[in-house]
């Protein structure tokens, strides 16, 4: 297998949204908890889970920043009124 093939195989498709990512994370946890997957499959699942956690964390951080911006804009609007 070429390096290009390995890189393509390792790429994760991003979920449609936060909720779908959380659903997939729960599926991964359930699969890993059964202990029935092979070591290679568990490593792939773990890798996917880490990518999903990063995706969810980024989404939550962006939402938190947006809330700060809205709150700040509202406070500034009240002070100028």
Protein backbone atom coordinates (compact mmCIF):
# COMPACT_ATOMS: atom_id res chain seq x y z
CA UNK A 1 0.00 0.00 0.00
CA UNK A 2 1.43 3.39 -0.97
CA UNK A 3 1.80 6.29 1.43
CA UNK A 4 -0.95 8.09 -0.47
CA UNK A 5 -3.33 5.14 0.02
CA UNK A 6 -2.49 5.01 3.72
CA UNK A 7 -3.14 8.73 4.08
CA UNK A 8 -6.49 8.45 2.28
CA UNK A 9 -7.45 5.48 4.44
CA UNK A 10 -6.65 7.43 7.61
CA UNK A 11 -8.75 10.44 6.66
CA UNK A 12 -11.96 10.77 8.63
CA UNK A 13 -15.17 12.05 7.11
CA UNK A 14 -16.49 14.87 9.26
CA UNK A 15 -19.96 14.40 10.68
CA UNK A 16 -22.87 16.48 9.43
CA UNK A 17 -23.30 18.19 12.79
CA UNK A 18 -22.52 18.08 16.51
CA UNK A 19 -25.41 15.77 17.32
CA UNK A 20 -24.38 13.19 14.70
CA UNK A 21 -20.84 13.30 16.04
CA UNK A 22 -22.08 12.63 19.57
CA UNK A 23 -24.23 9.73 18.35
CA UNK A 24 -21.24 8.18 16.58
CA UNK A 25 -19.08 8.68 19.66
CA UNK A 26 -21.63 6.77 21.73
CA UNK A 27 -21.61 3.97 19.15
CA UNK A 28 -17.83 3.81 19.35
CA UNK A 29 -17.88 3.69 23.16
CA UNK A 30 -20.44 0.89 23.06
CA UNK A 31 -18.35 -1.08 20.55
CA UNK A 32 -15.15 -0.63 22.54
CA UNK A 33 -16.85 -1.61 25.80
CA UNK A 34 -17.94 -4.96 24.38
CA UNK A 35 -14.32 -5.97 23.83
CA UNK A 36 -15.38 -8.07 20.85
CA UNK A 37 -13.53 -6.10 18.16
CA UNK A 38 -10.03 -7.04 17.07
CA UNK A 39 -7.13 -4.94 18.29
CA UNK A 40 -6.76 -3.36 14.84
CA UNK A 41 -10.47 -2.48 14.74
CA UNK A 42 -10.33 -1.08 18.26
CA UNK A 43 -7.40 1.13 17.30
CA UNK A 44 -9.32 2.42 14.27
CA UNK A 45 -12.37 3.08 16.43
CA UNK A 46 -10.24 4.84 19.02
CA UNK A 47 -8.66 7.01 16.33
CA UNK A 48 -12.09 7.89 14.96
CA UNK A 49 -13.28 8.70 18.47
CA UNK A 50 -10.38 11.05 19.09
CA UNK A 51 -11.13 12.86 15.81
CA UNK A 52 -14.80 13.17 16.79
CA UNK A 53 -13.90 14.49 20.24
CA UNK A 54 -11.72 17.14 18.62
CA UNK A 55 -14.56 18.04 16.22
CA UNK A 56 -17.08 18.31 19.08
CA UNK A 57 -14.70 20.33 21.23
CA UNK A 58 -14.10 22.77 18.38
CA UNK A 59 -17.86 23.12 17.84
CA UNK A 60 -18.47 23.76 21.54
CA UNK A 61 -15.67 26.31 21.71
CA UNK A 62 -17.09 28.12 18.69
CA UNK A 63 -20.56 28.17 20.25
CA UNK A 64 -19.16 29.48 23.52
CA UNK A 65 -17.30 32.24 21.67
CA UNK A 66 -20.47 33.17 19.79
CA UNK A 67 -22.39 33.41 23.07
CA UNK A 68 -19.68 35.68 24.50
CA UNK A 69 -19.90 37.91 21.43
CA UNK A 70 -23.69 38.14 21.67
CA UNK A 71 -23.59 38.82 25.41
CA UNK A 72 -20.90 41.45 24.95
CA UNK A 73 -22.85 43.15 22.16
CA UNK A 74 -25.98 43.20 24.33
CA UNK A 75 -24.08 44.73 27.26
CA UNK A 76 -22.55 47.36 25.00
CA UNK A 77 -25.97 48.16 23.55
CA UNK A 78 -27.43 48.66 27.03
CA UNK A 79 -24.56 50.95 28.06
CA UNK A 80 -25.05 53.11 24.98
CA UNK A 81 -28.81 53.36 25.41
